[in-house]
Amino acid sequence: MRGIFLFLLALVITIMFFYPLLFIQIIQKHNKLNTFLFNVAVHLDYLWASLLFGVKADGHTVSAIVYKRMLESDITYAKYVNAINFIFNDKKHCFNAFIKEFKEETI
């Protein structure tokens, strides 16, 4: 029950303050805007991975997870890998994310 309350509290605070804080940070970090926005985008990717894959996401991005699932003989994920690679205009985007997030953690 406590977990649900904390989740709802975090959700309400995020909804109320996300855009104002985002705009404040953009104004303050105008000289380092690319780095700041990249950081926000990566963390939104972690959020989407959690929403799409639940507990199995556990700190991984959507790109890395779909590539791993494709490797685990679920060929239906190949279309998602191709779509993500196309969006990023990088034929190895998902592969590189997989290597960075799954292979390097075992080293």
C-alpha atoms as a PDB file:
ATOM      1  CA  MET A   1       0.000   0.000   0.000  1.00  0.00           C
ATOM      2  CA  ARG A   2       2.847   2.371   0.817  1.00  0.00           C
ATOM      3  CA  GLY A   3       4.406   1.711  -2.609  1.00  0.00           C
ATOM      4  CA  ILE A   4       1.190   2.684  -4.378  1.00  0.00           C
ATOM      5  CA  PHE A   5       0.932   5.895  -2.362  1.00  0.00           C
ATOM      6  CA  LEU A   6       4.532   6.849  -3.104  1.00  0.00           C
ATOM      7  CA  PHE A   7       4.047   6.078  -6.797  1.00  0.00           C
ATOM      8  CA  LEU A   8       0.903   8.235  -6.981  1.00  0.00           C
ATOM      9  CA  LEU A   9       2.618  11.036  -5.081  1.00  0.00           C
ATOM     10  CA  ALA A  10       5.592  10.931  -7.459  1.00  0.00           C
ATOM     11  CA  LEU A  11       3.236  10.878 -10.448  1.00  0.00           C
ATOM     12  CA  VAL A  12       1.268  13.911  -9.236  1.00  0.00           C
ATOM     13  CA  ILE A  13       4.439  15.874  -8.475  1.00  0.00           C
ATOM     14  CA  THR A  14       5.885  14.971 -11.870  1.00  0.00           C
ATOM     15  CA  ILE A  15       2.724  16.012 -13.715  1.00  0.00           C
ATOM     16  CA  MET A  16       2.546  19.318 -11.840  1.00  0.00           C
ATOM     17  CA  PHE A  17       6.189  20.321 -12.099  1.00  0.00           C
ATOM     18  CA  PHE A  18       7.663  18.582 -15.155  1.00  0.00           C
ATOM     19  CA  TYR A  19       7.063  21.288 -17.765  1.00  0.00           C
ATOM     20  CA  PRO A  20       7.843  24.290 -15.552  1.00  0.00           C
ATOM     21  CA  LEU A  21      11.084  22.678 -14.389  1.00  0.00           C
ATOM     22  CA  LEU A  22      11.942  21.617 -17.921  1.00  0.00           C
ATOM     23  CA  PHE A  23      11.591  25.189 -19.180  1.00  0.00           C
ATOM     24  CA  ILE A  24      13.579  26.584 -16.247  1.00  0.00           C
ATOM     25  CA  GLN A  25      16.392  24.108 -16.913  1.00  0.00           C
ATOM     26  CA  ILE A  26      16.369  24.893 -20.634  1.00  0.00           C
ATOM     27  CA  ILE A  27      16.770  28.588 -19.852  1.00  0.00           C
ATOM     28  CA  GLN A  28      19.483  27.980 -17.239  1.00  0.00           C
ATOM     29  CA  LYS A  29      21.399  25.410 -19.267  1.00  0.00           C
ATOM     30  CA  HIS A  30      21.160  27.137 -22.634  1.00  0.00           C
ATOM     31  CA  ASN A  31      24.926  26.805 -23.150  1.00  0.00           C
ATOM     32  CA  LYS A  32      24.802  23.028 -22.488  1.00  0.00           C
ATOM     33  CA  LEU A  33      21.368  22.367 -23.937  1.00  0.00           C
ATOM     34  CA  ASN A  34      22.287  19.352 -26.088  1.00  0.00           C
ATOM     35  CA  THR A  35      23.801  17.494 -23.130  1.00  0.00           C
ATOM     36  CA  PHE A  36      20.855  18.344 -20.897  1.00  0.00           C
ATOM     37  CA  LEU A  37      18.189  17.295 -23.429  1.00  0.00           C
ATOM     38  CA  PHE A  38      20.084  14.090 -24.253  1.00  0.00           C
ATOM     39  CA  ASN A  39      20.142  13.225 -20.541  1.00  0.00           C
ATOM     40  CA  VAL A  40      16.387  13.868 -20.234  1.00  0.00           C
ATOM     41  CA  ALA A  41      15.714  11.766 -23.361  1.00  0.00           C
ATOM     42  CA  VAL A  42      17.722   8.807 -22.048  1.00  0.00           C
ATOM     43  CA  HIS A  43      15.855   8.841 -18.761  1.00  0.00           C
ATOM     44  CA  LEU A  44      12.516   9.080 -20.535  1.00  0.00           C
ATOM     45  CA  ASP A  45      13.640   5.998 -22.467  1.00  0.00           C
ATOM     46  CA  TYR A  46      14.175   4.184 -19.153  1.00  0.00           C
ATOM     47  CA  LEU A  47      10.679   5.275 -18.096  1.00  0.00           C
ATOM     48  CA  TRP A  48       9.154   3.958 -21.333  1.00  0.00           C
ATOM     49  CA  ALA A  49      11.022   0.687 -20.931  1.00  0.00           C
ATOM     50  CA  SER A  50       9.566   0.318 -17.446  1.00  0.00           C
ATOM     51  CA  LEU A  51       6.071   1.063 -18.723  1.00  0.00           C
ATOM     52  CA  LEU A  52       6.346  -1.315 -21.681  1.00  0.00           C
ATOM     53  CA  PHE A  53       8.283  -4.195 -20.133  1.00  0.00           C
ATOM     54  CA  GLY A  54       7.654  -3.851 -16.391  1.00  0.00           C
ATOM     55  CA  VAL A  55      10.101  -5.369 -13.954  1.00  0.00           C
ATOM     56  CA  LYS A  56      12.108  -6.947 -16.776  1.00  0.00           C
ATOM     57  CA  ALA A  57      13.261  -3.478 -17.869  1.00  0.00           C
ATOM     58  CA  ASP A  58      15.269  -3.035 -14.668  1.00  0.00           C
ATOM     59  CA  GLY A  59      17.392  -0.097 -15.778  1.00  0.00           C
ATOM     60  CA  HIS A  60      17.588  -0.841 -19.484  1.00  0.00           C
ATOM     61  CA  THR A  61      16.428   1.143 -22.495  1.00  0.00           C
ATOM     62  CA  VAL A  62      13.771   0.065 -24.962  1.00  0.00           C
ATOM     63  CA  SER A  63      16.416  -0.372 -27.665  1.00  0.00           C
ATOM     64  CA  ALA A  64      18.484  -2.805 -25.617  1.00  0.00           C
ATOM     65  CA  ILE A  65      15.470  -4.804 -24.452  1.00  0.00           C
ATOM     66  CA  VAL A  66      13.936  -5.304 -27.905  1.00  0.00           C
ATOM     67  CA  TYR A  67      17.313  -6.395 -29.284  1.00  0.00           C
ATOM     68  CA  LYS A  68      17.754  -8.866 -26.415  1.00  0.00           C
ATOM     69  CA  ARG A  69      14.267 -10.265 -26.967  1.00  0.00           C
ATOM     70  CA  MET A  70      14.991 -10.640 -30.665  1.00  0.00           C
ATOM     71  CA  LEU A  71      18.140 -12.609 -29.807  1.00  0.00           C
ATOM     72  CA  GLU A  72      16.167 -14.818 -27.456  1.00  0.00           C
ATOM     73  CA  SER A  73      14.507 -16.284 -30.566  1.00  0.00           C
ATOM     74  CA  ASP A  74      11.492 -14.000 -30.562  1.00  0.00           C
ATOM     75  CA  ILE A  75      11.826 -12.960 -34.192  1.00  0.00           C
ATOM     76  CA  THR A  76       8.725 -10.743 -33.936  1.00  0.00           C
ATOM     77  CA  TYR A  77      10.954  -8.153 -32.241  1.00  0.00           C
ATOM     78  CA  ALA A  78      13.037  -7.795 -35.405  1.00  0.00           C
ATOM     79  CA  LYS A  79      10.495  -5.334 -36.796  1.00  0.00           C
ATOM     80  CA  TYR A  80      10.839  -3.201 -33.664  1.00  0.00           C
ATOM     81  CA  VAL A  81      14.630  -3.327 -33.882  1.00  0.00           C
ATOM     82  CA  ASN A  82      14.444  -2.234 -37.531  1.00  0.00           C
ATOM     83  CA  ALA A  83      12.004   0.579 -36.697  1.00  0.00           C
ATOM     84  CA  ILE A  84      14.141   1.907 -33.842  1.00  0.00           C
ATOM     85  CA  ASN A  85      17.294   1.697 -35.950  1.00  0.00           C
ATOM     86  CA  PHE A  86      15.495   3.603 -38.719  1.00  0.00           C
ATOM     87  CA  ILE A  87      14.340   6.327 -36.304  1.00  0.00           C
ATOM     88  CA  PHE A  88      17.899   6.824 -35.067  1.00  0.00           C
ATOM     89  CA  ASN A  89      19.310   6.518 -38.595  1.00  0.00           C
ATOM     90  CA  ASP A  90      21.801   3.969 -37.278  1.00  0.00           C
ATOM     91  CA  LYS A  91      21.722   0.333 -38.395  1.00  0.00           C
ATOM     92  CA  LYS A  92      23.467  -0.738 -35.181  1.00  0.00           C
ATOM     93  CA  HIS A  93      21.650   1.438 -32.637  1.00  0.00           C
ATOM     94  CA  CYS A  94      19.849  -1.435 -30.856  1.00  0.00           C
ATOM     95  CA  PHE A  95      22.897  -3.692 -31.084  1.00  0.00           C
ATOM     96  CA  ASN A  96      25.109  -1.012 -29.520  1.00  0.00           C
ATOM     97  CA  ALA A  97      22.541  -0.382 -26.763  1.00  0.00           C
ATOM     98  CA  PHE A  98      22.380  -4.124 -26.069  1.00  0.00           C
ATOM     99  CA  ILE A  99      26.171  -4.419 -25.856  1.00  0.00           C
ATOM    100  CA  LYS A 100      26.441  -1.378 -23.601  1.00  0.00           C
ATOM    101  CA  GLU A 101      23.645  -2.349 -21.249  1.00  0.00           C
ATOM    102  CA  PHE A 102      23.734  -6.146 -21.106  1.00  0.00           C
ATOM    103  CA  LYS A 103      27.218  -7.275 -22.103  1.00  0.00           C
ATOM    104  CA  GLU A 104      29.252  -4.659 -20.246  1.00  0.00           C
ATOM    105  CA  GLU A 105      27.420  -5.304 -16.973  1.00  0.00           C
ATOM    106  CA  THR A 106      28.725  -8.869 -16.945  1.00  0.00           C
ATOM    107  CA  ILE A 107      32.363  -7.827 -17.450  1.00  0.00           C
END
